[in-house]
């Protein structure tokens, strides 16, 4: 059970980081468009 819990935590952290990176990329894209 402990190992399974660690895997779940790793997946949540991975997806959370991925979503944050995507959100930052989208925000940067919008800022670039506004500047242009």
PDB file of N, CA and C in Angstrom:
ATOM      1  N   UNK A   1       0.849  -1.210   0.000  1.00  0.00           N
ATOM      2  CA  UNK A   1       0.000   0.000   0.000  1.00  0.00           C
ATOM      3  C   UNK A   1       0.878   1.250   0.000  1.00  0.00           C
ATOM      4  N   UNK A   2       1.956   1.220   0.768  1.00  0.00           N
ATOM      5  CA  UNK A   2       2.842   2.393   0.824  1.00  0.00           C
ATOM      6  C   UNK A   2       3.414   2.706  -0.559  1.00  0.00           C
ATOM      7  N   UNK A   3       3.879   1.662  -1.256  1.00  0.00           N
ATOM      8  CA  UNK A   3       4.459   1.873  -2.587  1.00  0.00           C
ATOM      9  C   UNK A   3       3.429   2.462  -3.543  1.00  0.00           C
ATOM     10  N   UNK A   4       2.206   1.935  -3.494  1.00  0.00           N
ATOM     11  CA  UNK A   4       1.139   2.425  -4.367  1.00  0.00           C
ATOM     12  C   UNK A   4       0.866   3.906  -4.084  1.00  0.00           C
ATOM     13  N   UNK A   5       0.855   4.267  -2.790  1.00  0.00           N
ATOM     14  CA  UNK A   5       0.610   5.662  -2.410  1.00  0.00           C
ATOM     15  C   UNK A   5       1.706   6.562  -2.962  1.00  0.00           C
ATOM     16  N   UNK A   6       2.964   6.091  -2.913  1.00  0.00           N
ATOM     17  CA  UNK A   6       4.085   6.891  -3.428  1.00  0.00           C
ATOM     18  C   UNK A   6       3.924   7.116  -4.934  1.00  0.00           C
ATOM     19  N   UNK A   7       3.470   6.084  -5.640  1.00  0.00           N
ATOM     20  CA  UNK A   7       3.265   6.211  -7.086  1.00  0.00           C
ATOM     21  C   UNK A   7       2.183   7.251  -7.372  1.00  0.00           C
ATOM     22  N   UNK A   8       1.110   7.213  -6.598  1.00  0.00           N
ATOM     23  CA  UNK A   8       0.009   8.173  -6.792  1.00  0.00           C
ATOM     24  C   UNK A   8       0.513   9.593  -6.559  1.00  0.00           C
ATOM     25  N   UNK A   9       1.287   9.780  -5.496  1.00  0.00           N
ATOM     26  CA  UNK A   9       1.827  11.116  -5.185  1.00  0.00           C
ATOM     27  C   UNK A   9       2.723  11.586  -6.326  1.00  0.00           C
ATOM     28  N   UNK A  10       3.585  10.698  -6.826  1.00  0.00           N
ATOM     29  CA  UNK A  10       4.479  11.064  -7.934  1.00  0.00           C
ATOM     30  C   UNK A  10       3.665  11.475  -9.159  1.00  0.00           C
ATOM     31  N   UNK A  11       2.601  10.735  -9.471  1.00  0.00           N
ATOM     32  CA  UNK A  11       1.768  11.054 -10.634  1.00  0.00           C
ATOM     33  C   UNK A  11       1.101  12.416 -10.453  1.00  0.00           C
ATOM     34  N   UNK A  12       0.585  12.690  -9.245  1.00  0.00           N
ATOM     35  CA  UNK A  12      -0.079  13.976  -8.982  1.00  0.00           C
ATOM     36  C   UNK A  12       0.925  15.110  -9.143  1.00  0.00           C
ATOM     37  N   UNK A  13       2.125  14.941  -8.595  1.00  0.00           N
ATOM     38  CA  UNK A  13       3.157  15.986  -8.713  1.00  0.00           C
ATOM     39  C   UNK A  13       3.528  16.178 -10.181  1.00  0.00           C
ATOM     40  N   UNK A  14       3.701  15.081 -10.921  1.00  0.00           N
ATOM     41  CA  UNK A  14       4.064  15.147 -12.343  1.00  0.00           C
ATOM     42  C   UNK A  14       3.011  15.900 -13.137  1.00  0.00           C
ATOM     43  N   UNK A  15       1.737  15.515 -12.983  1.00  0.00           N
ATOM     44  CA  UNK A  15       0.658  16.167 -13.740  1.00  0.00           C
ATOM     45  C   UNK A  15       0.496  17.612 -13.305  1.00  0.00           C
ATOM     46  N   UNK A  16       0.645  17.876 -12.008  1.00  0.00           N
ATOM     47  CA  UNK A  16       0.533  19.252 -11.509  1.00  0.00           C
ATOM     48  C   UNK A  16       1.598  20.139 -12.149  1.00  0.00           C
ATOM     49  N   UNK A  17       2.842  19.640 -12.200  1.00  0.00           N
ATOM     50  CA  UNK A  17       3.935  20.408 -12.811  1.00  0.00           C
ATOM     51  C   UNK A  17       3.666  20.602 -14.296  1.00  0.00           C
ATOM     52  N   UNK A  18       3.172  19.558 -14.969  1.00  0.00           N
ATOM     53  CA  UNK A  18       2.887  19.646 -16.402  1.00  0.00           C
ATOM     54  C   UNK A  18       1.819  20.703 -16.674  1.00  0.00           C
ATOM     55  N   UNK A  19       0.762  20.698 -15.878  1.00  0.00           N
ATOM     56  CA  UNK A  19      -0.327  21.678 -16.057  1.00  0.00           C
ATOM     57  C   UNK A  19       0.198  23.090 -15.804  1.00  0.00           C
ATOM     58  N   UNK A  20       1.034  23.266 -14.772  1.00  0.00           N
ATOM     59  CA  UNK A  20       1.592  24.597 -14.480  1.00  0.00           C
ATOM     60  C   UNK A  20       2.445  25.075 -15.655  1.00  0.00           C
ATOM     61  N   UNK A  21       3.279  24.178 -16.207  1.00  0.00           N
ATOM     62  CA  UNK A  21       4.134  24.557 -17.344  1.00  0.00           C
ATOM     63  C   UNK A  21       3.277  24.941 -18.545  1.00  0.00           C
ATOM     64  N   UNK A  22       2.229  24.163 -18.810  1.00  0.00           N
ATOM     65  CA  UNK A  22       1.344  24.459 -19.949  1.00  0.00           C
ATOM     66  C   UNK A  22       0.658  25.804 -19.739  1.00  0.00           C
ATOM     67  N   UNK A  23       0.197  26.063 -18.505  1.00  0.00           N
ATOM     68  CA  UNK A  23      -0.483  27.328 -18.208  1.00  0.00           C
ATOM     69  C   UNK A  23       0.485  28.494 -18.414  1.00  0.00           C
ATOM     70  N   UNK A  24       1.732  28.340 -17.951  1.00  0.00           N
ATOM     71  CA  UNK A  24       2.731  29.395 -18.130  1.00  0.00           C
ATOM     72  C   UNK A  24       3.002  29.631 -19.612  1.00  0.00           C
ATOM     73  N   UNK A  25       3.094  28.550 -20.385  1.00  0.00           N
ATOM     74  CA  UNK A  25       3.345  28.675 -21.820  1.00  0.00           C
ATOM     75  C   UNK A  25       2.179  29.403 -22.494  1.00  0.00           C
ATOM     76  N   UNK A  26       0.947  29.082 -22.107  1.00  0.00           N
ATOM     77  CA  UNK A  26      -0.237  29.729 -22.696  1.00  0.00           C
ATOM     78  C   UNK A  26      -0.243  31.213 -22.323  1.00  0.00           C
ATOM     79  N   UNK A  27       0.046  31.525 -21.051  1.00  0.00           N
ATOM     80  CA  UNK A  27       0.079  32.928 -20.611  1.00  0.00           C
ATOM     81  C   UNK A  27       1.161  33.681 -21.367  1.00  0.00           C
ATOM     82  N   UNK A  28       2.335  33.079 -21.537  1.00  0.00           N
ATOM     83  CA  UNK A  28       3.435  33.721 -22.267  1.00  0.00           C
ATOM     84  C   UNK A  28       3.007  33.978 -23.708  1.00  0.00           C
ATOM     85  N   UNK A  29       2.309  33.008 -24.317  1.00  0.00           N
ATOM     86  CA  UNK A  29       1.830  33.164 -25.693  1.00  0.00           C
ATOM     87  C   UNK A  29       0.856  34.333 -25.799  1.00  0.00           C
ATOM     88  N   UNK A  30      -0.053  34.447 -24.807  1.00  0.00           N
ATOM     89  CA  UNK A  30      -1.020  35.551 -24.832  1.00  0.00           C
ATOM     90  C   UNK A  30      -0.314  36.891 -24.674  1.00  0.00           C
ATOM     91  N   UNK A  31       0.697  36.944 -23.783  1.00  0.00           N
ATOM     92  CA  UNK A  31       1.447  38.191 -23.563  1.00  0.00           C
ATOM     93  C   UNK A  31       2.170  38.579 -24.852  1.00  0.00           C
ATOM     94  N   UNK A  32       2.777  37.597 -25.519  1.00  0.00           N
ATOM     95  CA  UNK A  32       3.462  37.869 -26.796  1.00  0.00           C
ATOM     96  C   UNK A  32       2.471  38.441 -27.808  1.00  0.00           C
ATOM     97  N   UNK A  33       1.271  37.884 -27.869  1.00  0.00           N
ATOM     98  CA  UNK A  33       0.257  38.357 -28.825  1.00  0.00           C
ATOM     99  C   UNK A  33      -0.159  39.792 -28.487  1.00  0.00           C
ATOM    100  N   UNK A  34      -0.358  40.051 -27.199  1.00  0.00           N
ATOM    101  CA  UNK A  34      -0.782  41.399 -26.785  1.00  0.00           C
ATOM    102  C   UNK A  34       0.297  42.425 -27.129  1.00  0.00           C
ATOM    103  N   UNK A  35       1.571  42.064 -26.888  1.00  0.00           N
ATOM    104  CA  UNK A  35       2.678  42.981 -27.190  1.00  0.00           C
ATOM    105  C   UNK A  35       2.725  43.246 -28.695  1.00  0.00           C
ATOM    106  N   UNK A  36       2.523  42.200 -29.500  1.00  0.00           N
ATOM    107  CA  UNK A  36       2.573  42.356 -30.955  1.00  0.00           C
ATOM    108  C   UNK A  36       1.334  43.130 -31.416  1.00  0.00           C
TER     109      UNK A  36
END
